[in-house]
Amino acid sequence: MIKLLIFSEKDIIYQIKLSCQIPNIIEAIATRKIIVDAAEQAGIKIERAELQQAADNIRLAKNIIKAKDTGAWLEKHYLSLNDFKELAQFYLLSVKLANYLFAKQVEPFFLEHRLNYTAAVTYEVVLDDEDLAWELFYALQENEIFFQDIARQYIQEPELRCAGGYCGIRYRSNFSPEIAACVFTANPPQILKPIVTQKGVHLIWVEEIIQPQLNEPLRCKILENLFYAWLKQQLEEVKIVLQI
């Protein structure tokens, strides 16, 4: 037999407090108020067609395409259709406010910080023995061994070992300063001289340096970063009074 449990709003608030979630909830409420007020001051309006598209984007992002899936998702999260409309409207207000505030700043920001968006394709093996690292470095230069052979022999993590030490495409900020200085002055394809850090001795193969282009994904990323930096500043400047 299913036992019926009834919770009040007081029960929910008390559980949120016990779960130490009050600061996160307060920040979310403050963020919402800041965005709504700023959008109103900017005179930002939302058309019906835009709201429908925003709702469709949310459903797509949450993989709730079918009507029955949407109903199940709303029920799971205790949301009504009006609540979902409010969710879509707030999402759209955030997007439009970000564009209103920072769309014209994206390109200048990109040009000023262009070096930060330069990326590199690298392979890496981290060793404990510096003498061994130099021995392997010279062997690579003389084509006596392949980097993949070193990776298979000295990398412990199974996935990284199977990938031959492939680290993917990474921006300058993803590297420590001492490694970034060597990676981004390389002439690919190039094996770098062993680099000693606190993590060990790094043997790095630089396959490619990718010069940055202000494409749409990067434009969106910069816009998002500028908007969140603005939001953080706004949150620091408000005084929050909690009434529970």
Protein backbone atom coordinates (compact mmCIF):
# COMPACT_ATOMS: atom_id res chain seq x y z
CA MET A 1 0.00 0.00 0.00
CA ILE A 2 1.29 3.45 -0.96
CA LYS A 3 1.62 5.78 2.03
CA LEU A 4 0.45 9.33 1.41
CA LEU A 5 2.89 12.06 2.46
CA ILE A 6 1.80 15.67 2.50
CA PHE A 7 4.34 18.49 2.51
CA SER A 8 3.72 22.15 3.17
CA GLU A 9 5.68 25.13 1.87
CA LYS A 10 7.13 25.42 5.38
CA ASP A 11 8.42 21.85 5.13
CA ILE A 12 10.08 22.59 1.79
CA ILE A 13 11.73 25.79 3.01
CA TYR A 14 12.98 24.04 6.16
CA GLN A 15 14.48 21.23 4.09
CA ILE A 16 16.19 23.75 1.82
CA LYS A 17 17.72 25.33 4.93
CA LEU A 18 18.88 21.98 6.28
CA SER A 19 20.39 21.15 2.88
CA CYS A 20 22.41 24.39 3.06
CA GLN A 21 20.85 25.54 -0.20
CA ILE A 22 19.56 28.91 1.01
CA PRO A 23 22.57 30.89 -0.34
CA ASN A 24 22.13 29.36 -3.81
CA ILE A 25 18.40 30.01 -3.78
CA ILE A 26 18.91 33.61 -2.65
CA GLU A 27 21.47 34.21 -5.39
CA ALA A 28 19.11 32.74 -8.00
CA ILE A 29 16.24 34.97 -6.81
CA ALA A 30 18.47 38.05 -6.78
CA THR A 31 19.78 37.22 -10.26
CA ARG A 32 16.24 36.93 -11.58
CA LYS A 33 15.24 40.28 -10.08
CA ILE A 34 18.34 41.99 -11.46
CA ILE A 35 17.74 40.68 -14.98
CA VAL A 36 14.01 41.46 -14.99
CA ASP A 37 14.54 44.99 -13.66
CA ALA A 38 17.41 45.71 -16.09
CA ALA A 39 15.39 44.41 -19.05
CA GLU A 40 12.46 46.61 -18.04
CA GLN A 41 14.68 49.68 -17.72
CA ALA A 42 16.17 48.93 -21.15
CA GLY A 43 12.68 48.72 -22.65
CA ILE A 44 13.19 45.15 -23.82
CA LYS A 45 9.99 43.58 -25.14
CA ILE A 46 9.18 39.99 -25.98
CA GLU A 47 7.08 39.08 -28.99
CA ARG A 48 4.82 36.05 -28.93
CA ALA A 49 6.75 34.32 -31.72
CA GLU A 50 10.01 34.87 -29.83
CA LEU A 51 8.52 33.36 -26.68
CA GLN A 52 7.36 30.29 -28.58
CA GLN A 53 10.84 29.84 -30.06
CA ALA A 54 12.41 30.19 -26.61
CA ALA A 55 10.06 27.54 -25.24
CA ASP A 56 10.95 25.24 -28.14
CA ASN A 57 14.66 25.81 -27.45
CA ILE A 58 14.21 24.85 -23.79
CA ARG A 59 12.33 21.69 -24.72
CA LEU A 60 15.01 20.80 -27.25
CA ALA A 61 17.80 21.37 -24.71
CA LYS A 62 16.03 19.13 -22.19
CA ASN A 63 15.08 16.55 -24.82
CA ILE A 64 11.36 16.89 -24.16
CA ILE A 65 10.06 17.15 -27.71
CA LYS A 66 6.78 15.24 -27.51
CA ALA A 67 3.74 16.69 -25.76
CA LYS A 68 3.51 13.76 -23.33
CA ASP A 69 7.18 14.15 -22.44
CA THR A 70 6.64 17.84 -21.76
CA GLY A 71 3.72 17.02 -19.46
CA ALA A 72 5.76 14.42 -17.60
CA TRP A 73 8.67 16.84 -17.19
CA LEU A 74 6.39 19.57 -15.85
CA GLU A 75 4.78 17.15 -13.42
CA LYS A 76 8.17 15.91 -12.21
CA HIS A 77 9.27 19.46 -11.42
CA TYR A 78 5.88 20.58 -10.06
CA LEU A 79 5.50 23.19 -12.78
CA SER A 80 2.38 24.40 -14.52
CA LEU A 81 2.18 25.52 -18.15
CA ASN A 82 2.21 29.11 -16.91
CA ASP A 83 5.35 28.35 -14.92
CA PHE A 84 6.96 26.97 -18.06
CA LYS A 85 5.95 30.12 -19.92
CA GLU A 86 7.64 32.18 -17.20
CA LEU A 87 10.73 30.00 -17.52
CA ALA A 88 10.88 30.59 -21.26
CA GLN A 89 10.26 34.31 -20.82
CA PHE A 90 13.09 34.66 -18.29
CA TYR A 91 15.46 32.70 -20.55
CA LEU A 92 14.59 35.01 -23.45
CA LEU A 93 14.94 38.14 -21.33
CA SER A 94 18.43 37.00 -20.28
CA VAL A 95 19.49 36.43 -23.88
CA LYS A 96 18.09 39.74 -25.11
CA LEU A 97 19.55 41.69 -22.18
CA ALA A 98 22.99 40.15 -22.75
CA ASN A 99 22.85 41.23 -26.40
CA TYR A 100 21.56 44.68 -25.47
CA LEU A 101 24.38 45.27 -22.99
CA PHE A 102 27.35 43.58 -24.64
CA ALA A 103 26.80 42.70 -28.32
CA LYS A 104 28.89 45.69 -29.43
CA GLN A 105 31.67 44.84 -26.96
CA VAL A 106 32.29 41.28 -28.17
CA GLU A 107 34.57 42.12 -31.10
CA PRO A 108 36.71 44.68 -29.21
CA PHE A 109 37.04 42.22 -26.32
CA PHE A 110 38.10 39.48 -28.72
CA LEU A 111 40.73 41.69 -30.34
CA GLU A 112 42.09 42.77 -26.96
CA HIS A 113 42.28 39.21 -25.64
CA ARG A 114 43.04 37.48 -28.92
CA LEU A 115 46.03 35.58 -27.51
CA ASN A 116 43.81 33.94 -24.88
CA TYR A 117 41.74 32.33 -27.64
CA THR A 118 44.69 30.82 -29.50
CA ALA A 119 44.45 27.05 -29.15
CA ALA A 120 46.87 24.16 -29.45
CA VAL A 121 46.55 20.49 -30.30
CA THR A 122 48.96 18.61 -28.05
CA TYR A 123 50.00 15.16 -26.90
CA GLU A 124 51.57 14.80 -23.46
CA VAL A 125 53.33 12.32 -21.22
CA VAL A 126 54.24 13.26 -17.63
CA LEU A 127 57.27 11.45 -16.21
CA ASP A 128 58.90 11.30 -12.78
CA ASP A 129 62.47 11.03 -14.04
CA GLU A 130 63.99 14.09 -15.77
CA ASP A 131 66.95 12.11 -17.13
CA LEU A 132 64.54 9.65 -18.73
CA ALA A 133 62.54 12.54 -20.20
CA TRP A 134 65.66 13.94 -21.88
CA GLU A 135 66.62 10.49 -23.15
CA LEU A 136 63.20 10.06 -24.73
CA PHE A 137 63.29 13.61 -26.11
CA TYR A 138 66.54 12.94 -27.99
CA ALA A 139 65.22 9.56 -29.18
CA LEU A 140 62.18 11.34 -30.63
CA GLN A 141 64.35 13.90 -32.36
CA GLU A 142 66.38 11.13 -33.96
CA ASN A 143 63.19 9.26 -34.99
CA GLU A 144 64.30 6.28 -32.92
CA ILE A 145 60.89 6.09 -31.24
CA PHE A 146 57.36 7.41 -31.80
CA PHE A 147 55.47 9.52 -29.28
CA GLN A 148 52.64 6.95 -29.24
CA ASP A 149 55.14 4.30 -28.13
CA ILE A 150 56.17 6.49 -25.19
CA ALA A 151 52.53 7.10 -24.31
CA ARG A 152 51.70 3.39 -24.32
CA GLN A 153 54.66 2.63 -22.08
CA TYR A 154 54.56 5.45 -19.55
CA ILE A 155 50.95 6.68 -19.24
CA GLN A 156 48.99 4.98 -16.46
CA GLU A 157 45.45 6.17 -17.26
CA PRO A 158 43.90 3.64 -19.69
CA GLU A 159 41.91 6.13 -21.80
CA LEU A 160 44.76 8.61 -22.14
CA ARG A 161 47.18 5.78 -22.90
CA CYS A 162 44.93 4.40 -25.64
CA ALA A 163 44.67 7.92 -27.11
CA GLY A 164 48.45 8.14 -27.29
CA GLY A 165 48.56 11.02 -24.80
CA TYR A 166 46.20 13.16 -26.90
CA CYS A 167 45.04 16.16 -24.84
CA GLY A 168 42.64 17.64 -27.39
CA ILE A 169 42.28 21.25 -28.43
CA ARG A 170 43.07 23.55 -25.50
CA TYR A 171 43.24 27.31 -25.04
CA ARG A 172 46.19 29.12 -23.47
CA SER A 173 44.28 29.39 -20.18
CA ASN A 174 44.09 25.58 -20.00
CA PHE A 175 47.87 25.35 -19.67
CA SER A 176 50.04 26.39 -16.74
CA PRO A 177 51.99 29.59 -17.53
CA GLU A 178 55.36 27.84 -17.88
CA ILE A 179 53.93 25.25 -20.29
CA ALA A 180 51.86 27.80 -22.26
CA ALA A 181 54.98 29.88 -22.87
CA CYS A 182 56.63 26.90 -24.58
CA VAL A 183 53.59 25.50 -26.38
CA PHE A 184 52.54 28.76 -28.05
CA THR A 185 56.03 29.63 -29.24
CA ALA A 186 56.48 26.22 -30.88
CA ASN A 187 56.72 25.65 -34.62
CA PRO A 188 54.43 22.64 -35.11
CA PRO A 189 54.75 19.82 -35.52
CA GLN A 190 57.37 19.93 -32.78
CA ILE A 191 58.44 17.99 -29.71
CA LEU A 192 59.17 20.38 -26.85
CA LYS A 193 62.14 20.07 -24.58
CA PRO A 194 61.16 18.49 -21.23
CA ILE A 195 59.38 20.96 -18.94
CA VAL A 196 59.66 20.50 -15.17
CA THR A 197 56.66 21.49 -13.03
CA GLN A 198 55.27 20.43 -9.65
CA LYS A 199 53.35 17.65 -11.42
CA GLY A 200 56.47 16.11 -12.93
CA VAL A 201 58.47 16.30 -16.14
CA HIS A 202 56.28 17.04 -19.16
CA LEU A 203 57.11 15.66 -22.57
CA ILE A 204 54.84 17.45 -25.03
CA TRP A 205 54.27 17.02 -28.74
CA VAL A 206 52.68 20.12 -30.30
CA GLU A 207 50.78 19.01 -33.39
CA GLU A 208 49.08 22.28 -34.34
CA ILE A 209 48.54 25.88 -33.25
CA ILE A 210 45.05 27.10 -34.11
CA GLN A 211 44.76 30.85 -34.64
CA PRO A 212 41.52 32.27 -33.21
CA GLN A 213 38.59 33.34 -35.35
CA LEU A 214 35.54 35.16 -34.05
CA ASN A 215 33.02 32.56 -35.20
CA GLU A 216 29.51 32.24 -33.80
CA PRO A 217 30.32 29.75 -30.99
CA LEU A 218 33.16 31.97 -29.74
CA ARG A 219 31.02 35.08 -30.08
CA CYS A 220 28.35 33.45 -27.90
CA LYS A 221 30.96 32.33 -25.37
CA ILE A 222 32.44 35.82 -25.03
CA LEU A 223 28.97 37.38 -24.79
CA GLU A 224 28.02 34.90 -22.08
CA ASN A 225 31.22 35.57 -20.12
CA LEU A 226 30.72 39.34 -20.28
CA PHE A 227 27.12 38.99 -19.15
CA TYR A 228 27.98 36.72 -16.21
CA ALA A 229 30.77 39.08 -15.14
CA TRP A 230 28.22 41.92 -15.17
CA LEU A 231 25.75 39.82 -13.16
CA LYS A 232 28.42 39.00 -10.59
CA GLN A 233 29.19 42.71 -10.18
CA GLN A 234 25.48 43.52 -9.81
CA LEU A 235 25.10 40.84 -7.12
CA GLU A 236 28.05 42.26 -5.19
CA GLU A 237 26.43 45.70 -5.20
CA VAL A 238 23.02 44.70 -3.82
CA LYS A 239 22.00 44.27 -0.22
CA ILE A 240 19.72 41.30 0.31
CA VAL A 241 17.14 41.25 3.10
CA LEU A 242 15.78 37.79 3.85
CA GLN A 243 12.28 37.48 5.29
CA ILE A 244 11.36 33.94 6.26
